Amino acid sequence: MKIIAPNPFPHVIAKNITRVLGIDISRVEVKTPYVGGSFGGKTIWALYYLHRQL
């Protein structure tokens, strides 16, 4: 499975996809185009600590 996602953490995407679909990580390839400097990356941690989903 090939996934293109504008995300600075392709390993997290691959891990979540394999967990949800129940497939081996070797079957998932995540390509990430350049997404910039990750200046807004703190939002996900706020959601984590508030125990909310995005």
PDB file of N, CA and C in Angstrom:
ATOM      1  N   MET A   1       0.843  -1.148   0.000  1.00  0.00           N
ATOM      2  CA  MET A   1       0.000   0.000   0.000  1.00  0.00           C
ATOM      3  C   MET A   1       0.903   1.229   0.000  1.00  0.00           C
ATOM      4  N   LYS A   2       0.630   2.157  -0.909  1.00  0.00           N
ATOM      5  CA  LYS A   2       1.398   3.398  -0.962  1.00  0.00           C
ATOM      6  C   LYS A   2       0.510   4.551  -0.515  1.00  0.00           C
ATOM      7  N   ILE A   3       1.038   5.358   0.381  1.00  0.00           N
ATOM      8  CA  ILE A   3       0.299   6.494   0.923  1.00  0.00           C
ATOM      9  C   ILE A   3       1.142   7.744   0.731  1.00  0.00           C
ATOM     10  N   ILE A   4       0.522   8.801   0.217  1.00  0.00           N
ATOM     11  CA  ILE A   4       1.183  10.097   0.123  1.00  0.00           C
ATOM     12  C   ILE A   4       0.472  11.010   1.107  1.00  0.00           C
ATOM     13  N   ALA A   5       1.225  11.510   2.082  1.00  0.00           N
ATOM     14  CA  ALA A   5       0.621  12.325   3.133  1.00  0.00           C
ATOM     15  C   ALA A   5       1.548  13.475   3.504  1.00  0.00           C
ATOM     16  N   PRO A   6       1.054  14.711   3.463  1.00  0.00           N
ATOM     17  CA  PRO A   6       1.873  15.850   3.881  1.00  0.00           C
ATOM     18  C   PRO A   6       1.974  15.896   5.399  1.00  0.00           C
ATOM     19  N   ASN A   7       2.860  15.094   5.931  1.00  0.00           N
ATOM     20  CA  ASN A   7       2.986  14.942   7.370  1.00  0.00           C
ATOM     21  C   ASN A   7       4.457  14.740   7.711  1.00  0.00           C
ATOM     22  N   PRO A   8       4.956  15.372   8.773  1.00  0.00           N
ATOM     23  CA  PRO A   8       6.371  15.222   9.108  1.00  0.00           C
ATOM     24  C   PRO A   8       6.718  13.906   9.811  1.00  0.00           C
ATOM     25  N   PHE A   9       5.728  13.045  10.057  1.00  0.00           N
ATOM     26  CA  PHE A   9       5.968  11.803  10.787  1.00  0.00           C
ATOM     27  C   PHE A   9       5.433  10.593  10.025  1.00  0.00           C
ATOM     28  N   PRO A  10       6.076  10.214   8.921  1.00  0.00           N
ATOM     29  CA  PRO A  10       5.563   9.094   8.121  1.00  0.00           C
ATOM     30  C   PRO A  10       5.545   7.776   8.871  1.00  0.00           C
ATOM     31  N   HIS A  11       6.456   7.594   9.819  1.00  0.00           N
ATOM     32  CA  HIS A  11       6.486   6.341  10.582  1.00  0.00           C
ATOM     33  C   HIS A  11       5.243   6.188  11.459  1.00  0.00           C
ATOM     34  N   VAL A  12       4.717   7.305  11.949  1.00  0.00           N
ATOM     35  CA  VAL A  12       3.498   7.258  12.764  1.00  0.00           C
ATOM     36  C   VAL A  12       2.304   6.890  11.892  1.00  0.00           C
ATOM     37  N   ILE A  13       2.246   7.457  10.700  1.00  0.00           N
ATOM     38  CA  ILE A  13       1.161   7.123   9.775  1.00  0.00           C
ATOM     39  C   ILE A  13       1.204   5.639   9.436  1.00  0.00           C
ATOM     40  N   ALA A  14       2.379   5.134   9.098  1.00  0.00           N
ATOM     41  CA  ALA A  14       2.515   3.713   8.749  1.00  0.00           C
ATOM     42  C   ALA A  14       2.100   2.821   9.913  1.00  0.00           C
ATOM     43  N   LYS A  15       2.531   3.162  11.105  1.00  0.00           N
ATOM     44  CA  LYS A  15       2.192   2.357  12.287  1.00  0.00           C
ATOM     45  C   LYS A  15       0.684   2.339  12.527  1.00  0.00           C
ATOM     46  N   ASN A  16       0.043   3.496  12.406  1.00  0.00           N
ATOM     47  CA  ASN A  16      -1.402   3.569  12.628  1.00  0.00           C
ATOM     48  C   ASN A  16      -2.179   2.817  11.556  1.00  0.00           C
ATOM     49  N   ILE A  17      -1.751   2.924  10.309  1.00  0.00           N
ATOM     50  CA  ILE A  17      -2.416   2.198   9.222  1.00  0.00           C
ATOM     51  C   ILE A  17      -2.326   0.695   9.451  1.00  0.00           C
ATOM     52  N   THR A  18      -1.143   0.212   9.825  1.00  0.00           N
ATOM     53  CA  THR A  18      -0.987  -1.228  10.049  1.00  0.00           C
ATOM     54  C   THR A  18      -1.819  -1.702  11.231  1.00  0.00           C
ATOM     55  N   ARG A  19      -1.924  -0.874  12.248  1.00  0.00           N
ATOM     56  CA  ARG A  19      -2.722  -1.244  13.425  1.00  0.00           C
ATOM     57  C   ARG A  19      -4.203  -1.323  13.065  1.00  0.00           C
ATOM     58  N   VAL A  20      -4.698  -0.322  12.332  1.00  0.00           N
ATOM     59  CA  VAL A  20      -6.124  -0.274  11.990  1.00  0.00           C
ATOM     60  C   VAL A  20      -6.502  -1.375  11.001  1.00  0.00           C
ATOM     61  N   LEU A  21      -5.659  -1.592   9.989  1.00  0.00           N
ATOM     62  CA  LEU A  21      -5.982  -2.576   8.960  1.00  0.00           C
ATOM     63  C   LEU A  21      -5.515  -3.985   9.286  1.00  0.00           C
ATOM     64  N   GLY A  22      -4.679  -4.110  10.308  1.00  0.00           N
ATOM     65  CA  GLY A  22      -4.191  -5.428  10.691  1.00  0.00           C
ATOM     66  C   GLY A  22      -3.247  -6.044   9.675  1.00  0.00           C
ATOM     67  N   ILE A  23      -2.422  -5.204   9.048  1.00  0.00           N
ATOM     68  CA  ILE A  23      -1.470  -5.705   8.062  1.00  0.00           C
ATOM     69  C   ILE A  23      -0.045  -5.482   8.557  1.00  0.00           C
ATOM     70  N   ASP A  24       0.911  -6.163   7.917  1.00  0.00           N
ATOM     71  CA  ASP A  24       2.310  -6.037   8.301  1.00  0.00           C
ATOM     72  C   ASP A  24       2.876  -4.706   7.813  1.00  0.00           C
ATOM     73  N   ILE A  25       3.767  -4.119   8.601  1.00  0.00           N
ATOM     74  CA  ILE A  25       4.368  -2.822   8.274  1.00  0.00           C
ATOM     75  C   ILE A  25       5.135  -2.864   6.952  1.00  0.00           C
ATOM     76  N   SER A  26       5.616  -4.030   6.558  1.00  0.00           N
ATOM     77  CA  SER A  26       6.355  -4.149   5.294  1.00  0.00           C
ATOM     78  C   SER A  26       5.465  -3.918   4.077  1.00  0.00           C
ATOM     79  N   ARG A  27       4.164  -3.945   4.263  1.00  0.00           N
ATOM     80  CA  ARG A  27       3.223  -3.732   3.161  1.00  0.00           C
ATOM     81  C   ARG A  27       2.818  -2.275   3.001  1.00  0.00           C
ATOM     82  N   VAL A  28       3.347  -1.394   3.849  1.00  0.00           N
ATOM     83  CA  VAL A  28       2.961   0.019   3.823  1.00  0.00           C
ATOM     84  C   VAL A  28       4.170   0.886   3.483  1.00  0.00           C
ATOM     85  N   GLU A  29       3.992   1.752   2.497  1.00  0.00           N
ATOM     86  CA  GLU A  29       5.028   2.716   2.112  1.00  0.00           C
ATOM     87  C   GLU A  29       4.410   4.106   2.189  1.00  0.00           C
ATOM     88  N   VAL A  30       4.990   4.965   3.007  1.00  0.00           N
ATOM     89  CA  VAL A  30       4.466   6.322   3.174  1.00  0.00           C
ATOM     90  C   VAL A  30       5.459   7.309   2.577  1.00  0.00           C
ATOM     91  N   LYS A  31       4.993   8.087   1.616  1.00  0.00           N
ATOM     92  CA  LYS A  31       5.791   9.147   1.003  1.00  0.00           C
ATOM     93  C   LYS A  31       5.283  10.483   1.525  1.00  0.00           C
ATOM     94  N   THR A  32       6.209  11.345   1.899  1.00  0.00           N
ATOM     95  CA  THR A  32       5.813  12.648   2.424  1.00  0.00           C
ATOM     96  C   THR A  32       6.465  13.764   1.620  1.00  0.00           C
ATOM     97  N   PRO A  33       5.650  14.603   0.974  1.00  0.00           N
ATOM     98  CA  PRO A  33       6.226  15.764   0.307  1.00  0.00           C
ATOM     99  C   PRO A  33       6.735  16.753   1.352  1.00  0.00           C
ATOM    100  N   TYR A  34       7.549  17.687   0.932  1.00  0.00           N
ATOM    101  CA  TYR A  34       8.080  18.690   1.856  1.00  0.00           C
ATOM    102  C   TYR A  34       6.919  19.450   2.494  1.00  0.00           C
ATOM    103  N   VAL A  35       6.909  19.549   3.818  1.00  0.00           N
ATOM    104  CA  VAL A  35       5.803  20.206   4.518  1.00  0.00           C
ATOM    105  C   VAL A  35       6.223  21.439   5.303  1.00  0.00           C
ATOM    106  N   GLY A  36       7.461  21.809   5.270  1.00  0.00           N
ATOM    107  CA  GLY A  36       7.884  23.022   5.962  1.00  0.00           C
ATOM    108  C   GLY A  36       8.504  22.741   7.312  1.00  0.00           C
ATOM    109  N   GLY A  37       8.463  23.757   8.167  1.00  0.00           N
ATOM    110  CA  GLY A  37       9.212  23.717   9.415  1.00  0.00           C
ATOM    111  C   GLY A  37       8.508  23.180  10.629  1.00  0.00           C
ATOM    112  N   SER A  38       7.307  22.673  10.500  1.00  0.00           N
ATOM    113  CA  SER A  38       6.602  22.050  11.616  1.00  0.00           C
ATOM    114  C   SER A  38       6.334  23.021  12.763  1.00  0.00           C
ATOM    115  N   PHE A  39       6.019  24.256  12.408  1.00  0.00           N
ATOM    116  CA  PHE A  39       5.807  25.280  13.424  1.00  0.00           C
ATOM    117  C   PHE A  39       4.503  25.086  14.195  1.00  0.00           C
ATOM    118  N   GLY A  40       3.533  24.401  13.608  1.00  0.00           N
ATOM    119  CA  GLY A  40       2.254  24.202  14.281  1.00  0.00           C
ATOM    120  C   GLY A  40       2.111  22.827  14.899  1.00  0.00           C
ATOM    121  N   GLY A  41       3.189  22.124  15.090  1.00  0.00           N
ATOM    122  CA  GLY A  41       3.139  20.744  15.546  1.00  0.00           C
ATOM    123  C   GLY A  41       2.753  20.538  16.993  1.00  0.00           C
ATOM    124  N   LYS A  42       2.504  21.593  17.711  1.00  0.00           N
ATOM    125  CA  LYS A  42       2.166  21.440  19.132  1.00  0.00           C
ATOM    126  C   LYS A  42       0.701  21.072  19.349  1.00  0.00           C
ATOM    127  N   THR A  43      -0.144  21.280  18.345  1.00  0.00           N
ATOM    128  CA  THR A  43      -1.579  21.020  18.480  1.00  0.00           C
ATOM    129  C   THR A  43      -1.862  19.569  18.833  1.00  0.00           C
ATOM    130  N   ILE A  44      -1.178  18.650  18.188  1.00  0.00           N
ATOM    131  CA  ILE A  44      -1.429  17.229  18.435  1.00  0.00           C
ATOM    132  C   ILE A  44      -1.136  16.853  19.882  1.00  0.00           C
ATOM    133  N   TRP A  45      -0.124  17.468  20.479  1.00  0.00           N
ATOM    134  CA  TRP A  45       0.190  17.193  21.881  1.00  0.00           C
ATOM    135  C   TRP A  45      -0.883  17.755  22.795  1.00  0.00           C
ATOM    136  N   ALA A  46      -1.430  18.900  22.455  1.00  0.00           N
ATOM    137  CA  ALA A  46      -2.522  19.461  23.253  1.00  0.00           C
ATOM    138  C   ALA A  46      -3.712  18.515  23.237  1.00  0.00           C
ATOM    139  N   LEU A  47      -4.043  17.970  22.069  1.00  0.00           N
ATOM    140  CA  LEU A  47      -5.147  17.016  21.967  1.00  0.00           C
ATOM    141  C   LEU A  47      -4.859  15.755  22.770  1.00  0.00           C
ATOM    142  N   TYR A  48      -3.621  15.307  22.734  1.00  0.00           N
ATOM    143  CA  TYR A  48      -3.224  14.115  23.483  1.00  0.00           C
ATOM    144  C   TYR A  48      -3.433  14.326  24.977  1.00  0.00           C
ATOM    145  N   TYR A  49      -2.960  15.446  25.484  1.00  0.00           N
ATOM    146  CA  TYR A  49      -3.065  15.698  26.920  1.00  0.00           C
ATOM    147  C   TYR A  49      -4.493  16.013  27.358  1.00  0.00           C
ATOM    148  N   LEU A  50      -5.314  16.485  26.425  1.00  0.00           N
ATOM    149  CA  LEU A  50      -6.724  16.727  26.732  1.00  0.00           C
ATOM    150  C   LEU A  50      -7.575  15.476  26.511  1.00  0.00           C
ATOM    151  N   HIS A  51      -6.934  14.396  26.042  1.00  0.00           N
ATOM    152  CA  HIS A  51      -7.618  13.124  25.762  1.00  0.00           C
ATOM    153  C   HIS A  51      -8.738  13.307  24.738  1.00  0.00           C
ATOM    154  N   ARG A  52      -8.414  14.018  23.663  1.00  0.00           N
ATOM    155  CA  ARG A  52      -9.370  14.255  22.583  1.00  0.00           C
ATOM    156  C   ARG A  52      -8.784  13.737  21.281  1.00  0.00           C
ATOM    157  N   GLN A  53      -9.673  13.398  20.345  1.00  0.00           N
ATOM    158  CA  GLN A  53      -9.229  12.975  19.022  1.00  0.00           C
ATOM    159  C   GLN A  53      -9.387  14.129  18.053  1.00  0.00           C
ATOM    160  N   LEU A  54      -8.572  14.105  17.029  1.00  0.00           N
ATOM    161  CA  LEU A  54      -8.639  15.135  16.002  1.00  0.00           C
ATOM    162  C   LEU A  54      -9.634  14.738  14.958  1.00  0.00           C
TER     163      LEU A  54
END
